[in-house]
N, C-alpha and C. Protein backbone atom coordinates (compact mmCIF):
# COMPACT_ATOMS: atom_id res chain seq x y z
N UNK A 1 7.43 7.35 2.10
CA UNK A 1 7.21 8.71 2.54
C UNK A 1 5.74 8.89 2.89
N UNK A 2 5.50 9.61 3.96
CA UNK A 2 4.15 9.96 4.37
C UNK A 2 4.00 11.47 4.27
N UNK A 3 2.90 11.92 3.70
CA UNK A 3 2.61 13.35 3.70
C UNK A 3 1.16 13.56 4.12
N UNK A 4 0.96 14.61 4.90
CA UNK A 4 -0.38 14.95 5.37
C UNK A 4 -1.14 15.58 4.21
N UNK A 5 -2.33 15.07 3.96
CA UNK A 5 -3.14 15.54 2.85
C UNK A 5 -3.90 16.82 3.25
N UNK A 6 -4.17 17.70 2.28
CA UNK A 6 -4.86 18.97 2.59
C UNK A 6 -6.28 18.79 3.11
N UNK A 7 -6.88 17.62 2.91
CA UNK A 7 -8.24 17.36 3.40
C UNK A 7 -8.30 17.21 4.92
N UNK A 8 -7.16 17.11 5.57
CA UNK A 8 -7.11 16.95 7.03
C UNK A 8 -7.64 18.21 7.71
N UNK A 9 -8.52 17.98 8.70
CA UNK A 9 -9.05 19.12 9.47
C UNK A 9 -9.76 18.60 10.71
N UNK A 10 -9.72 19.38 11.76
CA UNK A 10 -10.40 19.00 12.99
C UNK A 10 -9.88 17.69 13.54
N UNK A 11 -10.80 16.74 13.72
CA UNK A 11 -10.41 15.44 14.27
C UNK A 11 -10.01 14.44 13.17
N UNK A 12 -9.98 14.89 11.90
CA UNK A 12 -9.69 13.99 10.79
C UNK A 12 -8.29 14.25 10.24
N UNK A 13 -7.51 13.16 10.20
CA UNK A 13 -6.16 13.21 9.64
C UNK A 13 -6.10 12.27 8.45
N UNK A 14 -5.80 12.82 7.29
CA UNK A 14 -5.64 12.03 6.07
C UNK A 14 -4.18 12.12 5.64
N UNK A 15 -3.58 10.97 5.38
CA UNK A 15 -2.19 10.95 4.92
C UNK A 15 -2.06 10.11 3.66
N UNK A 16 -1.07 10.49 2.84
CA UNK A 16 -0.75 9.73 1.64
C UNK A 16 0.58 9.05 1.84
N UNK A 17 0.62 7.75 1.59
CA UNK A 17 1.84 6.97 1.71
C UNK A 17 2.34 6.61 0.32
N UNK A 18 3.64 6.81 0.11
CA UNK A 18 4.25 6.51 -1.17
C UNK A 18 5.62 5.90 -0.93
N UNK A 19 6.01 4.98 -1.79
CA UNK A 19 7.32 4.34 -1.63
C UNK A 19 7.35 3.45 -0.41
N UNK A 20 8.52 3.32 0.18
CA UNK A 20 8.73 2.48 1.37
C UNK A 20 8.63 3.38 2.61
N UNK A 21 7.71 3.04 3.53
CA UNK A 21 7.54 3.83 4.74
C UNK A 21 8.61 3.46 5.75
N UNK A 22 9.19 4.48 6.37
CA UNK A 22 10.27 4.28 7.33
C UNK A 22 9.82 4.60 8.74
N UNK A 23 10.61 4.20 9.70
CA UNK A 23 10.35 4.55 11.09
C UNK A 23 10.32 6.05 11.28
N UNK A 24 11.15 6.76 10.54
CA UNK A 24 11.19 8.23 10.60
C UNK A 24 9.88 8.84 10.12
N UNK A 25 9.27 8.25 9.08
CA UNK A 25 7.96 8.73 8.62
C UNK A 25 6.96 8.69 9.77
N UNK A 26 7.03 7.63 10.56
CA UNK A 26 6.11 7.47 11.69
C UNK A 26 6.49 8.38 12.85
N UNK A 27 7.75 8.38 13.23
CA UNK A 27 8.16 9.13 14.43
C UNK A 27 8.16 10.64 14.22
N UNK A 28 8.29 11.11 12.98
CA UNK A 28 8.36 12.56 12.74
C UNK A 28 7.11 13.15 12.12
N UNK A 29 6.27 12.34 11.48
CA UNK A 29 5.09 12.89 10.79
C UNK A 29 3.80 12.28 11.30
N UNK A 30 3.60 11.00 11.07
CA UNK A 30 2.33 10.31 11.32
C UNK A 30 1.96 10.31 12.81
N UNK A 31 2.83 9.82 13.67
CA UNK A 31 2.51 9.70 15.09
C UNK A 31 2.36 11.06 15.77
N UNK A 32 3.26 12.04 15.54
CA UNK A 32 3.03 13.35 16.16
C UNK A 32 1.71 13.99 15.76
N UNK A 33 1.32 13.83 14.49
CA UNK A 33 0.04 14.40 14.03
C UNK A 33 -1.13 13.71 14.71
N UNK A 34 -1.07 12.38 14.83
CA UNK A 34 -2.12 11.64 15.53
C UNK A 34 -2.20 12.02 17.00
N UNK A 35 -1.04 12.09 17.66
CA UNK A 35 -1.01 12.46 19.08
C UNK A 35 -1.61 13.84 19.30
N UNK A 36 -1.30 14.77 18.43
CA UNK A 36 -1.83 16.13 18.55
C UNK A 36 -3.35 16.14 18.49
N UNK A 37 -3.91 15.43 17.54
CA UNK A 37 -5.37 15.37 17.41
C UNK A 37 -6.00 14.67 18.62
N UNK A 38 -5.42 13.57 19.04
CA UNK A 38 -5.97 12.83 20.20
C UNK A 38 -5.89 13.66 21.46
N UNK A 39 -4.76 14.36 21.68
CA UNK A 39 -4.62 15.20 22.88
C UNK A 39 -5.63 16.34 22.88
N UNK A 40 -5.89 16.93 21.72
CA UNK A 40 -6.82 18.07 21.63
C UNK A 40 -8.28 17.64 21.68
N UNK A 41 -8.60 16.44 21.15
CA UNK A 41 -10.00 16.05 20.96
C UNK A 41 -10.43 14.77 21.68
N UNK A 42 -9.47 14.02 22.17
CA UNK A 42 -9.79 12.76 22.83
C UNK A 42 -9.87 11.57 21.88
N UNK A 43 -10.23 11.83 20.62
CA UNK A 43 -10.31 10.78 19.60
C UNK A 43 -9.86 11.37 18.27
N UNK A 44 -9.73 10.49 17.29
CA UNK A 44 -9.40 10.97 15.94
C UNK A 44 -10.07 10.07 14.90
N UNK A 45 -10.13 10.61 13.70
CA UNK A 45 -10.60 9.88 12.53
C UNK A 45 -9.43 9.91 11.54
N UNK A 46 -9.14 8.79 10.95
CA UNK A 46 -7.92 8.64 10.16
C UNK A 46 -8.18 8.05 8.80
N UNK A 47 -7.40 8.50 7.83
CA UNK A 47 -7.41 7.90 6.51
C UNK A 47 -5.96 7.71 6.06
N UNK A 48 -5.64 6.51 5.65
CA UNK A 48 -4.33 6.19 5.09
C UNK A 48 -4.54 5.82 3.63
N UNK A 49 -4.01 6.66 2.75
CA UNK A 49 -4.11 6.43 1.31
C UNK A 49 -2.75 5.98 0.78
N UNK A 50 -2.70 4.77 0.26
CA UNK A 50 -1.47 4.23 -0.33
C UNK A 50 -1.55 4.43 -1.84
N UNK A 51 -0.71 5.32 -2.36
CA UNK A 51 -0.77 5.61 -3.79
C UNK A 51 -0.14 4.49 -4.62
N UNK A 52 -0.11 4.67 -5.92
CA UNK A 52 0.37 3.63 -6.84
C UNK A 52 1.86 3.32 -6.67
N UNK A 53 2.60 4.19 -6.00
CA UNK A 53 4.03 3.97 -5.77
C UNK A 53 4.33 3.36 -4.40
N UNK A 54 3.30 3.05 -3.63
CA UNK A 54 3.49 2.47 -2.30
C UNK A 54 4.18 1.11 -2.41
N UNK A 55 5.22 0.92 -1.57
CA UNK A 55 6.00 -0.32 -1.61
C UNK A 55 5.88 -1.14 -0.33
N UNK A 56 5.48 -0.53 0.77
CA UNK A 56 5.36 -1.25 2.02
C UNK A 56 6.01 -0.52 3.18
N UNK A 57 6.30 -1.27 4.23
CA UNK A 57 6.86 -0.70 5.46
C UNK A 57 8.22 -1.31 5.78
N UNK A 58 9.14 -0.48 6.24
CA UNK A 58 10.36 -1.01 6.84
C UNK A 58 9.97 -1.60 8.19
N UNK A 59 10.79 -2.47 8.73
CA UNK A 59 10.49 -3.12 10.00
C UNK A 59 10.22 -2.11 11.12
N UNK A 60 11.03 -1.07 11.22
CA UNK A 60 10.84 -0.05 12.26
C UNK A 60 9.48 0.64 12.11
N UNK A 61 9.07 0.90 10.89
CA UNK A 61 7.77 1.54 10.64
C UNK A 61 6.63 0.61 11.05
N UNK A 62 6.77 -0.69 10.73
CA UNK A 62 5.74 -1.66 11.15
C UNK A 62 5.61 -1.68 12.67
N UNK A 63 6.75 -1.66 13.36
CA UNK A 63 6.73 -1.67 14.82
C UNK A 63 6.06 -0.41 15.36
N UNK A 64 6.43 0.74 14.83
CA UNK A 64 5.84 2.02 15.27
C UNK A 64 4.32 1.99 15.05
N UNK A 65 3.90 1.51 13.90
CA UNK A 65 2.48 1.44 13.56
C UNK A 65 1.73 0.53 14.54
N UNK A 66 2.25 -0.67 14.74
CA UNK A 66 1.58 -1.64 15.60
C UNK A 66 1.55 -1.18 17.05
N UNK A 67 2.67 -0.67 17.57
CA UNK A 67 2.71 -0.29 18.98
C UNK A 67 1.84 0.94 19.26
N UNK A 68 1.85 1.94 18.36
CA UNK A 68 0.99 3.10 18.57
C UNK A 68 -0.47 2.72 18.41
N UNK A 69 -0.77 1.94 17.39
CA UNK A 69 -2.15 1.52 17.15
C UNK A 69 -2.72 0.74 18.31
N UNK A 70 -1.93 -0.16 18.87
CA UNK A 70 -2.41 -0.94 20.00
C UNK A 70 -2.61 -0.07 21.24
N UNK A 71 -1.66 0.82 21.52
CA UNK A 71 -1.76 1.70 22.69
C UNK A 71 -2.95 2.65 22.58
N UNK A 72 -3.34 2.99 21.36
CA UNK A 72 -4.42 3.97 21.15
C UNK A 72 -5.63 3.34 20.45
N UNK A 73 -5.80 2.04 20.60
CA UNK A 73 -6.87 1.33 19.89
C UNK A 73 -8.27 1.84 20.22
N UNK A 74 -8.43 2.50 21.36
CA UNK A 74 -9.74 3.05 21.73
C UNK A 74 -9.89 4.52 21.36
N UNK A 75 -8.87 5.10 20.75
CA UNK A 75 -8.89 6.53 20.42
C UNK A 75 -9.29 6.82 18.99
N UNK A 76 -9.48 5.79 18.18
CA UNK A 76 -9.84 5.97 16.78
C UNK A 76 -11.35 5.78 16.61
N UNK A 77 -12.04 6.84 16.16
CA UNK A 77 -13.47 6.72 15.86
C UNK A 77 -13.67 5.98 14.55
N UNK A 78 -12.88 6.36 13.55
CA UNK A 78 -12.97 5.75 12.23
C UNK A 78 -11.58 5.68 11.61
N UNK A 79 -11.36 4.61 10.87
CA UNK A 79 -10.11 4.44 10.13
C UNK A 79 -10.45 3.91 8.76
N UNK A 80 -10.01 4.63 7.73
CA UNK A 80 -10.17 4.17 6.35
C UNK A 80 -8.78 3.89 5.79
N UNK A 81 -8.63 2.72 5.21
CA UNK A 81 -7.39 2.34 4.55
C UNK A 81 -7.71 2.22 3.06
N UNK A 82 -7.00 3.02 2.27
CA UNK A 82 -7.34 3.15 0.85
C UNK A 82 -6.17 2.71 -0.02
N UNK A 83 -6.45 1.82 -0.98
CA UNK A 83 -5.43 1.36 -1.91
C UNK A 83 -4.52 0.33 -1.27
N UNK A 84 -3.38 0.14 -1.89
CA UNK A 84 -2.40 -0.81 -1.38
C UNK A 84 -2.67 -2.23 -1.85
N UNK A 85 -1.73 -3.12 -1.58
CA UNK A 85 -1.89 -4.52 -1.99
C UNK A 85 -2.96 -5.24 -1.18
N UNK A 86 -3.39 -6.38 -1.68
CA UNK A 86 -4.46 -7.16 -1.04
C UNK A 86 -4.12 -7.56 0.40
N UNK A 87 -2.84 -7.86 0.69
CA UNK A 87 -2.47 -8.29 2.04
C UNK A 87 -2.69 -7.17 3.06
N UNK A 88 -2.65 -5.90 2.61
CA UNK A 88 -2.91 -4.78 3.52
C UNK A 88 -4.37 -4.80 3.95
N UNK A 89 -5.26 -5.11 3.03
CA UNK A 89 -6.68 -5.21 3.35
C UNK A 89 -6.91 -6.32 4.39
N UNK A 90 -6.27 -7.45 4.19
CA UNK A 90 -6.39 -8.56 5.13
C UNK A 90 -5.86 -8.16 6.51
N UNK A 91 -4.69 -7.54 6.56
CA UNK A 91 -4.10 -7.10 7.82
C UNK A 91 -4.96 -6.05 8.52
N UNK A 92 -5.57 -5.17 7.74
CA UNK A 92 -6.44 -4.13 8.30
C UNK A 92 -7.66 -4.77 8.97
N UNK A 93 -8.23 -5.75 8.31
CA UNK A 93 -9.40 -6.43 8.89
C UNK A 93 -9.04 -7.16 10.18
N UNK A 94 -7.87 -7.75 10.22
CA UNK A 94 -7.40 -8.41 11.44
C UNK A 94 -7.22 -7.38 12.56
N UNK A 95 -6.56 -6.27 12.25
CA UNK A 95 -6.35 -5.21 13.24
C UNK A 95 -7.65 -4.58 13.71
N UNK A 96 -8.65 -4.52 12.84
CA UNK A 96 -9.94 -3.91 13.19
C UNK A 96 -10.60 -4.62 14.35
N UNK A 97 -10.35 -5.91 14.48
CA UNK A 97 -10.97 -6.67 15.57
C UNK A 97 -10.46 -6.23 16.94
N UNK A 98 -9.36 -5.51 16.96
CA UNK A 98 -8.79 -5.05 18.23
C UNK A 98 -9.08 -3.58 18.50
N UNK A 99 -9.77 -2.92 17.59
CA UNK A 99 -10.04 -1.49 17.73
C UNK A 99 -11.49 -1.24 18.12
N UNK A 100 -11.69 -0.16 18.84
CA UNK A 100 -13.03 0.22 19.27
C UNK A 100 -13.84 0.84 18.11
N UNK A 101 -13.19 1.65 17.30
CA UNK A 101 -13.89 2.38 16.25
C UNK A 101 -14.15 1.55 15.01
N UNK A 102 -14.80 2.19 14.03
CA UNK A 102 -15.12 1.55 12.76
C UNK A 102 -13.90 1.57 11.84
N UNK A 103 -13.72 0.52 11.09
CA UNK A 103 -12.61 0.41 10.14
C UNK A 103 -13.17 -0.07 8.81
N UNK A 104 -12.77 0.61 7.74
CA UNK A 104 -13.18 0.20 6.39
C UNK A 104 -11.98 0.26 5.46
N UNK A 105 -11.99 -0.62 4.46
CA UNK A 105 -10.98 -0.57 3.41
C UNK A 105 -11.66 -0.16 2.10
N UNK A 106 -10.89 0.54 1.27
CA UNK A 106 -11.39 1.04 -0.01
C UNK A 106 -10.35 0.81 -1.08
N UNK A 107 -10.81 0.64 -2.30
CA UNK A 107 -9.92 0.62 -3.46
C UNK A 107 -9.42 2.04 -3.71
N UNK A 108 -8.27 2.18 -4.35
CA UNK A 108 -7.68 3.51 -4.59
C UNK A 108 -8.63 4.44 -5.33
N UNK A 109 -9.41 3.90 -6.26
CA UNK A 109 -10.33 4.75 -7.03
C UNK A 109 -11.50 5.26 -6.20
N UNK A 110 -11.65 4.76 -4.99
CA UNK A 110 -12.72 5.21 -4.09
C UNK A 110 -12.22 6.17 -3.01
N UNK A 111 -11.11 6.83 -3.27
CA UNK A 111 -10.53 7.76 -2.28
C UNK A 111 -11.53 8.82 -1.84
N UNK A 112 -12.24 9.45 -2.77
CA UNK A 112 -13.20 10.50 -2.40
C UNK A 112 -14.30 9.95 -1.48
N UNK A 113 -14.78 8.78 -1.79
CA UNK A 113 -15.82 8.14 -0.96
C UNK A 113 -15.27 7.85 0.44
N UNK A 114 -14.03 7.39 0.53
CA UNK A 114 -13.41 7.11 1.83
C UNK A 114 -13.22 8.39 2.63
N UNK A 115 -12.81 9.46 1.97
CA UNK A 115 -12.66 10.75 2.67
C UNK A 115 -14.01 11.23 3.23
N UNK A 116 -15.06 11.08 2.46
CA UNK A 116 -16.39 11.47 2.93
C UNK A 116 -16.81 10.65 4.14
N UNK A 117 -16.57 9.33 4.10
CA UNK A 117 -16.95 8.47 5.20
C UNK A 117 -16.19 8.81 6.48
N UNK A 118 -14.91 9.03 6.38
CA UNK A 118 -14.10 9.34 7.57
C UNK A 118 -14.53 10.67 8.16
N UNK A 119 -14.88 11.64 7.33
CA UNK A 119 -15.25 12.98 7.81
C UNK A 119 -16.66 13.08 8.34
N UNK A 120 -17.53 12.09 8.06
CA UNK A 120 -18.96 12.15 8.51
C UNK A 120 -19.06 12.34 10.01
């Protein structure tokens, strides 16, 4: 499940991921919110926080994430990925090489620091 965090404002979208993420999470929540910010501002700043109950992505969600991210790789000013298993950090670093904006990973306990960095 993905939920938009109350810290989201302006060009910054912060979401919390819990459990297994589905294609519906992406097609109904995450992607429409990103598209709205990009259409209004030209770019966006993003934070993905994976809480202690995060389990991963269904195949459809992975596809939605990869295809949207690649199509909009120049539209992200900053992306913070917070928490999650070690392989997510590795995958984020790999994906960062294809993005124009800055990308950082943070441990779950550094959520506040990550929110500050994305909002700067």
